[in-house]
Amino acid sequence: MFRVKICGVTNAADAVAAAAAGADAVGLNFYARSRRYLDPRRAEAVAAAVPEGVVRVGLFVNAAPEFIRMLAARLRLQAIQLHGDETVQQLADLGDLPLIKAFACHQRSQPAIAEYLAECRRQGVSLRMILLDAAVPGQFGGTGRLADWETAAALAADRSLPPVILAGGLNAENVRAAIETVRPAAVDTAGGVESAPGIKDHAAMQAFATAAKTALNSI
């Protein structure tokens, strides 16, 4: 679906700048407890600023299906990122939408993630991609911590699984090493390209996208 995603975009100017920097996808965060929360009442202008050809991703945490469907239709979202404790049955209920499921990735998480994805297959749930983020108790991403790259690499190497998006503490300085170690299909950053939570640093976005695409092209 994409290779470089800038998440937690909260205003139209940053959406335009992310695309100009080289992002293939822009993430809009609808988790109300996030520092990068985008009020749905303001989201239409931000989504409209995302140029054609750049994927509009909506991020949700344990949200009601009706809310997800409403925003997906209103904002013409092209991917739905489920970043909470959603069950496989809840994914099945949204199975007609293009889904990305996020997982906390730590040293002991691989068996649980593999079993979750096996249950998805048993229930006929098709995921476009999976996202591997840092594991921080009580937090649903956006912590600036690194995921466990060794576990992420093992999951990325399993071709029976959906393509892996690596997230968690990535920035222009470490994204090459992350890509060379994990060999993911895509990378995702939020805090690594910010001057303040929800406010993107345009030069940092450019540096991240350039470094990420150079590394992705080399693996």
N, C-alpha and C. Protein backbone atom coordinates (compact mmCIF):
# COMPACT_ATOMS: atom_id res chain seq x y z
N MET A 1 0.82 -1.21 0.00
CA MET A 1 0.00 0.00 0.00
C MET A 1 0.85 1.27 0.00
N PHE A 2 1.94 1.23 0.75
CA PHE A 2 2.84 2.38 0.83
C PHE A 2 4.17 1.91 1.41
N ARG A 3 5.16 2.81 1.38
CA ARG A 3 6.48 2.47 1.90
C ARG A 3 6.89 3.40 3.05
N VAL A 4 6.50 4.65 2.98
CA VAL A 4 6.87 5.63 4.02
C VAL A 4 5.61 6.35 4.47
N LYS A 5 5.32 6.25 5.76
CA LYS A 5 4.12 6.87 6.32
C LYS A 5 4.52 7.88 7.40
N ILE A 6 3.92 9.05 7.31
CA ILE A 6 4.04 10.07 8.35
C ILE A 6 2.72 10.08 9.10
N CYS A 7 2.75 9.75 10.38
CA CYS A 7 1.52 9.61 11.15
C CYS A 7 1.35 10.79 12.12
N GLY A 8 0.12 10.92 12.59
CA GLY A 8 -0.18 11.97 13.56
C GLY A 8 -0.20 13.36 12.97
N VAL A 9 -0.62 13.47 11.72
CA VAL A 9 -0.73 14.78 11.06
C VAL A 9 -2.02 15.45 11.54
N THR A 10 -1.91 16.69 11.98
CA THR A 10 -3.05 17.37 12.60
C THR A 10 -3.50 18.63 11.88
N ASN A 11 -2.83 18.99 10.80
CA ASN A 11 -3.24 20.21 10.09
C ASN A 11 -2.92 20.07 8.61
N ALA A 12 -3.58 20.90 7.81
CA ALA A 12 -3.47 20.79 6.36
C ALA A 12 -2.07 21.11 5.86
N ALA A 13 -1.41 22.10 6.46
CA ALA A 13 -0.06 22.47 6.00
C ALA A 13 0.91 21.32 6.17
N ASP A 14 0.80 20.60 7.28
CA ASP A 14 1.69 19.47 7.50
C ASP A 14 1.36 18.31 6.57
N ALA A 15 0.09 18.14 6.23
CA ALA A 15 -0.29 17.09 5.28
C ALA A 15 0.34 17.35 3.92
N VAL A 16 0.28 18.58 3.47
CA VAL A 16 0.88 18.95 2.18
C VAL A 16 2.39 18.77 2.23
N ALA A 17 3.01 19.20 3.34
CA ALA A 17 4.47 19.10 3.47
C ALA A 17 4.93 17.65 3.56
N ALA A 18 4.16 16.79 4.22
CA ALA A 18 4.52 15.38 4.31
C ALA A 18 4.56 14.76 2.92
N ALA A 19 3.55 15.06 2.13
CA ALA A 19 3.52 14.53 0.77
C ALA A 19 4.68 15.08 -0.06
N ALA A 20 4.93 16.37 0.07
CA ALA A 20 6.03 16.98 -0.69
C ALA A 20 7.38 16.41 -0.26
N ALA A 21 7.49 15.99 0.99
CA ALA A 21 8.74 15.43 1.49
C ALA A 21 9.00 14.03 0.95
N GLY A 22 7.95 13.38 0.46
CA GLY A 22 8.11 12.05 -0.10
C GLY A 22 7.33 10.97 0.60
N ALA A 23 6.48 11.33 1.56
CA ALA A 23 5.66 10.32 2.22
C ALA A 23 4.66 9.72 1.24
N ASP A 24 4.49 8.41 1.30
CA ASP A 24 3.50 7.72 0.47
C ASP A 24 2.15 7.64 1.16
N ALA A 25 2.14 7.90 2.49
CA ALA A 25 0.92 7.81 3.27
C ALA A 25 0.97 8.83 4.40
N VAL A 26 -0.21 9.32 4.76
CA VAL A 26 -0.37 10.27 5.86
C VAL A 26 -1.38 9.68 6.83
N GLY A 27 -1.02 9.65 8.12
CA GLY A 27 -1.89 9.09 9.13
C GLY A 27 -2.61 10.15 9.92
N LEU A 28 -3.92 9.96 10.07
CA LEU A 28 -4.78 10.86 10.85
C LEU A 28 -5.24 10.10 12.08
N ASN A 29 -4.94 10.62 13.27
CA ASN A 29 -5.11 9.90 14.52
C ASN A 29 -6.42 10.30 15.20
N PHE A 30 -7.34 9.35 15.33
CA PHE A 30 -8.65 9.63 15.93
C PHE A 30 -8.79 8.99 17.32
N TYR A 31 -7.66 8.78 17.99
CA TYR A 31 -7.67 8.28 19.36
C TYR A 31 -7.63 9.50 20.29
N ALA A 32 -8.71 9.74 21.01
CA ALA A 32 -8.88 10.99 21.75
C ALA A 32 -7.84 11.19 22.84
N ARG A 33 -7.20 10.13 23.33
CA ARG A 33 -6.21 10.28 24.39
C ARG A 33 -4.79 10.48 23.85
N SER A 34 -4.66 10.51 22.54
CA SER A 34 -3.34 10.70 21.93
C SER A 34 -2.96 12.19 21.92
N ARG A 35 -1.67 12.44 22.03
CA ARG A 35 -1.17 13.81 21.90
C ARG A 35 -1.30 14.31 20.47
N ARG A 36 -1.58 13.40 19.55
CA ARG A 36 -1.70 13.76 18.13
C ARG A 36 -3.14 13.59 17.64
N TYR A 37 -4.05 13.67 18.56
CA TYR A 37 -5.47 13.49 18.23
C TYR A 37 -5.95 14.56 17.26
N LEU A 38 -6.69 14.11 16.27
CA LEU A 38 -7.31 15.01 15.30
C LEU A 38 -8.82 14.97 15.50
N ASP A 39 -9.38 16.09 15.90
CA ASP A 39 -10.83 16.17 16.09
C ASP A 39 -11.53 15.89 14.76
N PRO A 40 -12.46 14.95 14.74
CA PRO A 40 -13.15 14.64 13.48
C PRO A 40 -13.78 15.85 12.81
N ARG A 41 -14.14 16.86 13.60
CA ARG A 41 -14.75 18.06 13.01
C ARG A 41 -13.74 18.85 12.20
N ARG A 42 -12.46 18.68 12.48
CA ARG A 42 -11.41 19.38 11.74
C ARG A 42 -10.77 18.49 10.68
N ALA A 43 -11.10 17.23 10.69
CA ALA A 43 -10.37 16.25 9.89
C ALA A 43 -10.63 16.40 8.39
N GLU A 44 -11.81 16.88 8.03
CA GLU A 44 -12.13 16.94 6.60
C GLU A 44 -11.16 17.84 5.85
N ALA A 45 -10.82 18.99 6.44
CA ALA A 45 -9.88 19.90 5.78
C ALA A 45 -8.49 19.30 5.68
N VAL A 46 -8.08 18.56 6.70
CA VAL A 46 -6.77 17.93 6.68
C VAL A 46 -6.74 16.82 5.63
N ALA A 47 -7.75 15.97 5.62
CA ALA A 47 -7.80 14.89 4.64
C ALA A 47 -7.84 15.44 3.22
N ALA A 48 -8.58 16.52 3.01
CA ALA A 48 -8.69 17.11 1.67
C ALA A 48 -7.36 17.66 1.19
N ALA A 49 -6.47 18.01 2.12
CA ALA A 49 -5.17 18.56 1.74
C ALA A 49 -4.18 17.49 1.31
N VAL A 50 -4.47 16.24 1.59
CA VAL A 50 -3.57 15.15 1.20
C VAL A 50 -3.69 14.96 -0.31
N PRO A 51 -2.60 15.11 -1.04
CA PRO A 51 -2.69 15.02 -2.50
C PRO A 51 -3.12 13.63 -2.98
N GLU A 52 -3.70 13.60 -4.16
CA GLU A 52 -4.03 12.31 -4.79
C GLU A 52 -2.74 11.51 -4.97
N GLY A 53 -2.84 10.22 -4.75
CA GLY A 53 -1.67 9.36 -4.85
C GLY A 53 -0.99 9.10 -3.53
N VAL A 54 -1.35 9.87 -2.51
CA VAL A 54 -0.84 9.65 -1.16
C VAL A 54 -1.96 9.00 -0.34
N VAL A 55 -1.66 7.90 0.33
CA VAL A 55 -2.68 7.11 1.02
C VAL A 55 -3.12 7.82 2.30
N ARG A 56 -4.43 7.96 2.46
CA ARG A 56 -5.00 8.54 3.68
C ARG A 56 -5.34 7.40 4.64
N VAL A 57 -4.65 7.38 5.78
CA VAL A 57 -4.82 6.30 6.76
C VAL A 57 -5.48 6.88 8.02
N GLY A 58 -6.55 6.25 8.45
CA GLY A 58 -7.19 6.63 9.71
C GLY A 58 -6.76 5.69 10.82
N LEU A 59 -6.28 6.26 11.93
CA LEU A 59 -5.83 5.45 13.08
C LEU A 59 -6.91 5.47 14.15
N PHE A 60 -7.31 4.27 14.60
CA PHE A 60 -8.37 4.13 15.59
C PHE A 60 -7.90 3.18 16.70
N VAL A 61 -8.36 3.44 17.92
CA VAL A 61 -8.04 2.59 19.06
C VAL A 61 -9.35 2.17 19.73
N ASN A 62 -9.69 0.90 19.60
CA ASN A 62 -10.89 0.35 20.25
C ASN A 62 -12.13 1.19 19.96
N ALA A 63 -12.26 1.63 18.72
CA ALA A 63 -13.36 2.50 18.33
C ALA A 63 -14.57 1.68 17.87
N ALA A 64 -15.75 2.27 18.00
CA ALA A 64 -16.97 1.63 17.54
C ALA A 64 -16.94 1.49 16.01
N PRO A 65 -17.40 0.36 15.48
CA PRO A 65 -17.39 0.16 14.03
C PRO A 65 -18.15 1.26 13.29
N GLU A 66 -19.24 1.73 13.86
CA GLU A 66 -20.03 2.77 13.21
C GLU A 66 -19.22 4.06 13.05
N PHE A 67 -18.43 4.38 14.06
CA PHE A 67 -17.58 5.58 14.02
C PHE A 67 -16.51 5.41 12.95
N ILE A 68 -15.89 4.25 12.89
CA ILE A 68 -14.86 4.00 11.88
C ILE A 68 -15.45 4.10 10.48
N ARG A 69 -16.59 3.47 10.27
CA ARG A 69 -17.21 3.50 8.94
C ARG A 69 -17.62 4.92 8.54
N MET A 70 -18.13 5.68 9.49
CA MET A 70 -18.56 7.04 9.20
C MET A 70 -17.38 7.89 8.73
N LEU A 71 -16.26 7.83 9.46
CA LEU A 71 -15.11 8.64 9.07
C LEU A 71 -14.45 8.10 7.80
N ALA A 72 -14.44 6.78 7.64
CA ALA A 72 -13.86 6.22 6.41
C ALA A 72 -14.58 6.74 5.18
N ALA A 73 -15.90 6.84 5.26
CA ALA A 73 -16.68 7.33 4.12
C ALA A 73 -16.53 8.84 3.96
N ARG A 74 -16.62 9.56 5.07
CA ARG A 74 -16.58 11.02 4.99
C ARG A 74 -15.22 11.53 4.49
N LEU A 75 -14.14 10.89 4.94
CA LEU A 75 -12.79 11.37 4.64
C LEU A 75 -12.14 10.62 3.49
N ARG A 76 -12.87 9.65 2.92
CA ARG A 76 -12.33 8.82 1.84
C ARG A 76 -11.00 8.18 2.27
N LEU A 77 -11.03 7.58 3.45
CA LEU A 77 -9.84 6.92 3.96
C LEU A 77 -9.53 5.69 3.11
N GLN A 78 -8.27 5.49 2.83
CA GLN A 78 -7.86 4.37 1.99
C GLN A 78 -7.27 3.22 2.79
N ALA A 79 -7.10 3.41 4.08
CA ALA A 79 -6.67 2.34 4.97
C ALA A 79 -7.13 2.68 6.38
N ILE A 80 -7.46 1.64 7.14
CA ILE A 80 -7.90 1.77 8.52
C ILE A 80 -6.88 1.05 9.40
N GLN A 81 -6.19 1.81 10.24
CA GLN A 81 -5.19 1.25 11.14
C GLN A 81 -5.81 1.07 12.52
N LEU A 82 -5.91 -0.18 12.95
CA LEU A 82 -6.50 -0.51 14.25
C LEU A 82 -5.37 -0.73 15.23
N HIS A 83 -5.25 0.17 16.21
CA HIS A 83 -4.06 0.23 17.05
C HIS A 83 -4.35 -0.16 18.50
N GLY A 84 -5.51 -0.76 18.75
CA GLY A 84 -5.88 -1.08 20.12
C GLY A 84 -5.92 -2.56 20.40
N ASP A 85 -6.91 -2.97 21.20
CA ASP A 85 -7.06 -4.36 21.61
C ASP A 85 -8.14 -5.07 20.80
N GLU A 86 -8.32 -4.68 19.57
CA GLU A 86 -9.39 -5.23 18.75
C GLU A 86 -9.24 -6.75 18.58
N THR A 87 -10.35 -7.45 18.71
CA THR A 87 -10.35 -8.90 18.52
C THR A 87 -10.43 -9.22 17.03
N VAL A 88 -10.14 -10.48 16.71
CA VAL A 88 -10.27 -10.92 15.32
C VAL A 88 -11.72 -10.78 14.86
N GLN A 89 -12.67 -11.05 15.74
CA GLN A 89 -14.08 -10.91 15.37
C GLN A 89 -14.41 -9.46 15.03
N GLN A 90 -13.84 -8.52 15.77
CA GLN A 90 -14.07 -7.11 15.46
C GLN A 90 -13.47 -6.75 14.12
N LEU A 91 -12.32 -7.32 13.79
CA LEU A 91 -11.75 -7.10 12.46
C LEU A 91 -12.66 -7.69 11.39
N ALA A 92 -13.21 -8.87 11.67
CA ALA A 92 -14.11 -9.50 10.70
C ALA A 92 -15.32 -8.62 10.42
N ASP A 93 -15.79 -7.93 11.45
CA ASP A 93 -16.95 -7.05 11.27
C ASP A 93 -16.62 -5.84 10.39
N LEU A 94 -15.34 -5.54 10.23
CA LEU A 94 -14.89 -4.43 9.39
C LEU A 94 -14.18 -4.94 8.13
N GLY A 95 -14.39 -6.21 7.83
CA GLY A 95 -13.59 -6.88 6.82
C GLY A 95 -13.71 -6.34 5.41
N ASP A 96 -14.74 -5.54 5.14
CA ASP A 96 -14.86 -4.96 3.81
C ASP A 96 -13.99 -3.71 3.64
N LEU A 97 -13.37 -3.24 4.74
CA LEU A 97 -12.50 -2.08 4.69
C LEU A 97 -11.04 -2.53 4.58
N PRO A 98 -10.16 -1.70 4.01
CA PRO A 98 -8.73 -2.06 3.92
C PRO A 98 -8.07 -1.89 5.29
N LEU A 99 -7.74 -3.00 5.94
CA LEU A 99 -7.32 -2.98 7.34
C LEU A 99 -5.82 -3.17 7.52
N ILE A 100 -5.28 -2.41 8.48
CA ILE A 100 -3.93 -2.59 9.00
C ILE A 100 -4.07 -2.84 10.50
N LYS A 101 -3.49 -3.91 11.01
CA LYS A 101 -3.55 -4.16 12.45
C LYS A 101 -2.19 -3.91 13.07
N ALA A 102 -2.18 -3.12 14.15
CA ALA A 102 -0.94 -2.81 14.86
C ALA A 102 -0.76 -3.76 16.04
N PHE A 103 0.50 -4.10 16.31
CA PHE A 103 0.85 -4.97 17.43
C PHE A 103 2.01 -4.37 18.20
N ALA A 104 1.99 -4.55 19.52
CA ALA A 104 3.15 -4.24 20.34
C ALA A 104 4.19 -5.32 20.12
N CYS A 105 5.41 -4.93 19.78
CA CYS A 105 6.45 -5.86 19.37
C CYS A 105 7.57 -5.88 20.41
N HIS A 106 7.66 -7.00 21.15
CA HIS A 106 8.72 -7.15 22.14
C HIS A 106 9.31 -8.55 22.00
N GLN A 107 10.25 -8.90 22.86
CA GLN A 107 11.01 -10.14 22.68
C GLN A 107 10.14 -11.39 22.76
N ARG A 108 9.01 -11.32 23.44
CA ARG A 108 8.18 -12.52 23.61
C ARG A 108 6.85 -12.43 22.86
N SER A 109 6.74 -11.47 21.95
CA SER A 109 5.44 -11.24 21.31
C SER A 109 5.20 -12.05 20.05
N GLN A 110 6.25 -12.63 19.47
CA GLN A 110 6.09 -13.28 18.17
C GLN A 110 5.04 -14.39 18.17
N PRO A 111 5.03 -15.31 19.16
CA PRO A 111 4.01 -16.37 19.12
C PRO A 111 2.59 -15.83 19.17
N ALA A 112 2.34 -14.82 20.02
CA ALA A 112 0.99 -14.27 20.13
C ALA A 112 0.56 -13.57 18.84
N ILE A 113 1.48 -12.84 18.22
CA ILE A 113 1.16 -12.17 16.97
C ILE A 113 0.87 -13.20 15.88
N ALA A 114 1.71 -14.23 15.81
CA ALA A 114 1.50 -15.28 14.80
C ALA A 114 0.17 -15.99 15.00
N GLU A 115 -0.21 -16.25 16.25
CA GLU A 115 -1.48 -16.92 16.51
C GLU A 115 -2.65 -16.01 16.15
N TYR A 116 -2.56 -14.73 16.47
CA TYR A 116 -3.61 -13.77 16.10
C TYR A 116 -3.81 -13.78 14.58
N LEU A 117 -2.70 -13.75 13.84
CA LEU A 117 -2.80 -13.72 12.38
C LEU A 117 -3.31 -15.05 11.83
N ALA A 118 -2.98 -16.15 12.49
CA ALA A 118 -3.53 -17.44 12.08
C ALA A 118 -5.04 -17.46 12.28
N GLU A 119 -5.51 -16.86 13.39
CA GLU A 119 -6.95 -16.78 13.62
C GLU A 119 -7.62 -15.88 12.59
N CYS A 120 -6.94 -14.84 12.17
CA CYS A 120 -7.47 -14.01 11.08
C CYS A 120 -7.69 -14.86 9.83
N ARG A 121 -6.73 -15.68 9.50
CA ARG A 121 -6.87 -16.53 8.31
C ARG A 121 -8.03 -17.50 8.48
N ARG A 122 -8.16 -18.07 9.68
CA ARG A 122 -9.25 -19.02 9.91
C ARG A 122 -10.61 -18.36 9.76
N GLN A 123 -10.70 -17.08 10.14
CA GLN A 123 -11.97 -16.38 10.05
C GLN A 123 -12.14 -15.60 8.74
N GLY A 124 -11.20 -15.76 7.84
CA GLY A 124 -11.32 -15.10 6.55
C GLY A 124 -11.06 -13.62 6.57
N VAL A 125 -10.32 -13.14 7.57
CA VAL A 125 -9.98 -11.72 7.67
C VAL A 125 -8.70 -11.47 6.89
N SER A 126 -8.77 -10.57 5.93
CA SER A 126 -7.61 -10.24 5.11
C SER A 126 -7.05 -8.89 5.55
N LEU A 127 -5.80 -8.88 5.98
CA LEU A 127 -5.13 -7.66 6.39
C LEU A 127 -4.22 -7.19 5.26
N ARG A 128 -4.26 -5.90 4.98
CA ARG A 128 -3.37 -5.37 3.95
C ARG A 128 -1.92 -5.37 4.44
N MET A 129 -1.73 -4.96 5.70
CA MET A 129 -0.40 -4.90 6.30
C MET A 129 -0.56 -5.06 7.80
N ILE A 130 0.55 -5.34 8.49
CA ILE A 130 0.57 -5.27 9.94
C ILE A 130 1.62 -4.25 10.35
N LEU A 131 1.39 -3.58 11.47
CA LEU A 131 2.31 -2.57 11.96
C LEU A 131 2.88 -3.03 13.30
N LEU A 132 4.19 -2.97 13.43
CA LEU A 132 4.88 -3.39 14.65
C LEU A 132 5.41 -2.15 15.36
N ASP A 133 4.93 -1.94 16.59
CA ASP A 133 5.26 -0.74 17.35
C ASP A 133 5.93 -1.15 18.66
N ALA A 134 6.43 -0.17 19.37
CA ALA A 134 7.05 -0.43 20.67
C ALA A 134 6.01 -0.95 21.65
N ALA A 135 6.46 -1.78 22.58
CA ALA A 135 5.58 -2.31 23.62
C ALA A 135 5.79 -1.51 24.90
N VAL A 136 4.81 -0.67 25.23
CA VAL A 136 4.85 0.12 26.45
C VAL A 136 3.53 -0.10 27.17
N PRO A 137 3.53 -0.68 28.36
CA PRO A 137 2.28 -0.98 29.06
C PRO A 137 1.38 0.24 29.18
N GLY A 138 0.10 0.04 28.83
CA GLY A 138 -0.88 1.10 28.95
C GLY A 138 -0.85 2.14 27.85
N GLN A 139 0.04 1.96 26.87
CA GLN A 139 0.15 2.94 25.78
C GLN A 139 -0.15 2.26 24.45
N PHE A 140 -0.82 3.00 23.57
CA PHE A 140 -1.14 2.49 22.24
C PHE A 140 -0.32 3.25 21.20
N GLY A 141 1.00 3.10 21.28
CA GLY A 141 1.87 3.75 20.30
C GLY A 141 2.15 5.19 20.65
N GLY A 142 2.97 5.82 19.79
CA GLY A 142 3.28 7.23 19.96
C GLY A 142 4.19 7.52 21.13
N THR A 143 4.96 6.54 21.58
CA THR A 143 5.78 6.71 22.78
C THR A 143 7.19 7.18 22.46
N GLY A 144 7.64 7.03 21.23
CA GLY A 144 9.02 7.34 20.89
C GLY A 144 9.99 6.23 21.22
N ARG A 145 9.51 5.12 21.78
CA ARG A 145 10.36 3.97 22.08
C ARG A 145 10.52 3.09 20.84
N LEU A 146 11.58 2.29 20.82
CA LEU A 146 11.81 1.39 19.70
C LEU A 146 11.07 0.08 19.90
N ALA A 147 10.56 -0.48 18.82
CA ALA A 147 10.09 -1.86 18.83
C ALA A 147 11.29 -2.78 18.94
N ASP A 148 11.04 -4.05 19.25
CA ASP A 148 12.13 -5.02 19.28
C ASP A 148 12.45 -5.43 17.85
N TRP A 149 13.59 -4.98 17.35
CA TRP A 149 13.90 -5.19 15.95
C TRP A 149 14.15 -6.65 15.61
N GLU A 150 14.68 -7.43 16.54
CA GLU A 150 14.94 -8.84 16.26
C GLU A 150 13.62 -9.59 16.02
N THR A 151 12.65 -9.34 16.89
CA THR A 151 11.34 -9.97 16.71
C THR A 151 10.68 -9.47 15.43
N ALA A 152 10.78 -8.16 15.19
CA ALA A 152 10.20 -7.59 13.97
C ALA A 152 10.82 -8.21 12.73
N ALA A 153 12.12 -8.45 12.76
CA ALA A 153 12.80 -9.05 11.61
C ALA A 153 12.28 -10.46 11.34
N ALA A 154 12.04 -11.22 12.41
CA ALA A 154 11.53 -12.58 12.23
C ALA A 154 10.14 -12.56 11.62
N LEU A 155 9.32 -11.63 12.05
CA LEU A 155 7.97 -11.53 11.50
C LEU A 155 8.00 -11.03 10.05
N ALA A 156 8.88 -10.08 9.77
CA ALA A 156 8.98 -9.55 8.40
C ALA A 156 9.48 -10.61 7.43
N ALA A 157 10.28 -11.55 7.93
CA ALA A 157 10.84 -12.59 7.06
C ALA A 157 9.84 -13.70 6.75
N ASP A 158 8.74 -13.75 7.49
CA ASP A 158 7.73 -14.80 7.29
C ASP A 158 6.78 -14.38 6.17
N ARG A 159 6.97 -14.94 5.00
CA ARG A 159 6.21 -14.51 3.83
C ARG A 159 4.76 -14.99 3.86
N SER A 160 4.40 -15.81 4.86
CA SER A 160 3.00 -16.19 5.01
C SER A 160 2.19 -15.11 5.70
N LEU A 161 2.86 -14.12 6.26
CA LEU A 161 2.19 -13.05 6.99
C LEU A 161 2.02 -11.83 6.09
N PRO A 162 1.11 -10.92 6.46
CA PRO A 162 0.98 -9.68 5.69
C PRO A 162 2.28 -8.87 5.75
N PRO A 163 2.49 -7.96 4.80
CA PRO A 163 3.68 -7.12 4.83
C PRO A 163 3.78 -6.31 6.13
N VAL A 164 5.01 -6.12 6.59
CA VAL A 164 5.26 -5.46 7.88
C VAL A 164 5.59 -3.99 7.68
N ILE A 165 4.93 -3.16 8.49
CA ILE A 165 5.30 -1.76 8.65
C ILE A 165 6.03 -1.66 9.98
N LEU A 166 7.24 -1.15 9.99
CA LEU A 166 7.98 -0.96 11.23
C LEU A 166 7.76 0.46 11.74
N ALA A 167 7.35 0.55 13.00
CA ALA A 167 7.17 1.85 13.66
C ALA A 167 7.92 1.81 14.99
N GLY A 168 7.75 2.86 15.78
CA GLY A 168 8.34 2.90 17.10
C GLY A 168 9.67 3.63 17.14
N GLY A 169 9.64 4.93 17.44
CA GLY A 169 10.86 5.68 17.68
C GLY A 169 11.75 5.91 16.49
N LEU A 170 11.22 5.82 15.28
CA LEU A 170 12.06 5.98 14.09
C LEU A 170 12.25 7.45 13.75
N ASN A 171 13.45 7.77 13.28
CA ASN A 171 13.76 9.12 12.83
C ASN A 171 14.80 9.02 11.71
N ALA A 172 15.23 10.16 11.20
CA ALA A 172 16.16 10.16 10.07
C ALA A 172 17.50 9.53 10.43
N GLU A 173 17.87 9.58 11.71
CA GLU A 173 19.16 9.07 12.13
C GLU A 173 19.19 7.54 12.27
N ASN A 174 18.07 6.93 12.62
CA ASN A 174 18.10 5.48 12.87
C ASN A 174 17.32 4.65 11.85
N VAL A 175 16.64 5.30 10.91
CA VAL A 175 15.76 4.53 10.04
C VAL A 175 16.53 3.60 9.10
N ARG A 176 17.72 4.00 8.67
CA ARG A 176 18.50 3.11 7.80
C ARG A 176 18.87 1.83 8.55
N ALA A 177 19.37 1.97 9.76
CA ALA A 177 19.73 0.78 10.54
C ALA A 177 18.51 -0.08 10.80
N ALA A 178 17.38 0.55 11.07
CA ALA A 178 16.14 -0.21 11.31
C ALA A 178 15.75 -1.01 10.08
N ILE A 179 15.81 -0.40 8.93
CA ILE A 179 15.41 -1.07 7.69
C ILE A 179 16.39 -2.19 7.36
N GLU A 180 17.67 -1.94 7.52
CA GLU A 180 18.67 -2.97 7.21
C GLU A 180 18.54 -4.16 8.16
N THR A 181 18.13 -3.92 9.40
CA THR A 181 17.99 -5.00 10.38
C THR A 181 16.70 -5.77 10.19
N VAL A 182 15.60 -5.05 10.04
CA VAL A 182 14.26 -5.67 10.01
C VAL A 182 13.84 -6.08 8.60
N ARG A 183 14.22 -5.28 7.60
CA ARG A 183 13.82 -5.48 6.22
C ARG A 183 12.29 -5.46 6.08
N PRO A 184 11.65 -4.40 6.56
CA PRO A 184 10.20 -4.30 6.47
C PRO A 184 9.76 -3.86 5.08
N ALA A 185 8.46 -3.96 4.84
CA ALA A 185 7.90 -3.44 3.60
C ALA A 185 7.77 -1.92 3.65
N ALA A 186 7.61 -1.38 4.86
CA ALA A 186 7.36 0.05 5.02
C ALA A 186 7.79 0.49 6.41
N VAL A 187 7.92 1.81 6.57
CA VAL A 187 8.24 2.40 7.88
C VAL A 187 7.26 3.51 8.18
N ASP A 188 7.14 3.80 9.47
CA ASP A 188 6.14 4.76 9.96
C ASP A 188 6.78 5.58 11.07
N THR A 189 6.57 6.88 11.04
CA THR A 189 7.05 7.74 12.12
C THR A 189 6.03 8.81 12.44
N ALA A 190 6.07 9.27 13.66
CA ALA A 190 5.23 10.40 14.10
C ALA A 190 6.12 11.37 14.87
N GLY A 191 6.50 10.98 16.10
CA GLY A 191 7.31 11.87 16.92
C GLY A 191 8.70 12.12 16.38
N GLY A 192 9.20 11.23 15.54
CA GLY A 192 10.54 11.40 15.01
C GLY A 192 10.69 12.51 14.00
N VAL A 193 9.57 13.13 13.61
CA VAL A 193 9.64 14.23 12.63
C VAL A 193 8.84 15.43 13.15
N GLU A 194 8.87 15.64 14.47
CA GLU A 194 8.07 16.70 15.07
C GLU A 194 8.92 17.73 15.81
N SER A 195 8.42 18.95 15.83
CA SER A 195 8.98 19.99 16.69
C SER A 195 8.23 20.05 18.02
N ALA A 196 6.99 19.54 18.03
CA ALA A 196 6.15 19.40 19.22
C ALA A 196 5.10 18.36 18.88
N PRO A 197 4.48 17.72 19.87
CA PRO A 197 3.49 16.69 19.55
C PRO A 197 2.39 17.20 18.61
N GLY A 198 2.27 16.55 17.46
CA GLY A 198 1.26 16.94 16.49
C GLY A 198 1.68 18.05 15.55
N ILE A 199 2.86 18.61 15.75
CA ILE A 199 3.38 19.68 14.88
C ILE A 199 4.61 19.15 14.17
N LYS A 200 4.52 19.00 12.86
CA LYS A 200 5.60 18.39 12.11
C LYS A 200 6.69 19.40 11.77
N ASP A 201 7.92 18.90 11.80
CA ASP A 201 9.09 19.65 11.34
C ASP A 201 9.30 19.27 9.87
N HIS A 202 9.12 20.22 8.99
CA HIS A 202 9.12 19.91 7.57
C HIS A 202 10.48 19.41 7.09
N ALA A 203 11.56 19.99 7.61
CA ALA A 203 12.89 19.52 7.22
C ALA A 203 13.13 18.10 7.74
N ALA A 204 12.64 17.80 8.92
CA ALA A 204 12.80 16.45 9.47
C ALA A 204 12.02 15.43 8.66
N MET A 205 10.84 15.80 8.19
CA MET A 205 10.08 14.88 7.34
C MET A 205 10.83 14.60 6.05
N GLN A 206 11.42 15.63 5.47
CA GLN A 206 12.19 15.44 4.24
C GLN A 206 13.37 14.51 4.48
N ALA A 207 14.09 14.73 5.57
CA ALA A 207 15.26 13.91 5.87
C ALA A 207 14.86 12.46 6.13
N PHE A 208 13.76 12.27 6.85
CA PHE A 208 13.30 10.91 7.14
C PHE A 208 12.89 10.18 5.87
N ALA A 209 12.07 10.82 5.06
CA ALA A 209 11.59 10.16 3.84
C ALA A 209 12.74 9.83 2.90
N THR A 210 13.71 10.72 2.78
CA THR A 210 14.86 10.48 1.90
C THR A 210 15.68 9.30 2.41
N ALA A 211 15.97 9.31 3.72
CA ALA A 211 16.76 8.22 4.29
C ALA A 211 16.02 6.90 4.20
N ALA A 212 14.73 6.92 4.48
CA ALA A 212 13.95 5.68 4.44
C ALA A 212 13.89 5.10 3.03
N LYS A 213 13.61 5.92 2.05
CA LYS A 213 13.48 5.39 0.69
C LYS A 213 14.81 4.92 0.15
N THR A 214 15.88 5.60 0.50
CA THR A 214 17.21 5.15 0.07
C THR A 214 17.49 3.76 0.64
N ALA A 215 17.17 3.57 1.92
CA ALA A 215 17.41 2.27 2.56
C ALA A 215 16.47 1.20 2.03
N LEU A 216 15.21 1.53 1.86
CA LEU A 216 14.26 0.54 1.33
C LEU A 216 14.63 0.09 -0.07
N ASN A 217 15.17 1.01 -0.86
CA ASN A 217 15.59 0.66 -2.23
C ASN A 217 16.81 -0.23 -2.26
N SER A 218 17.53 -0.31 -1.13
CA SER A 218 18.79 -1.06 -1.11
C SER A 218 18.64 -2.47 -0.56
N ILE A 219 17.46 -2.81 -0.03
CA ILE A 219 17.29 -4.15 0.56
C ILE A 219 16.60 -5.10 -0.41
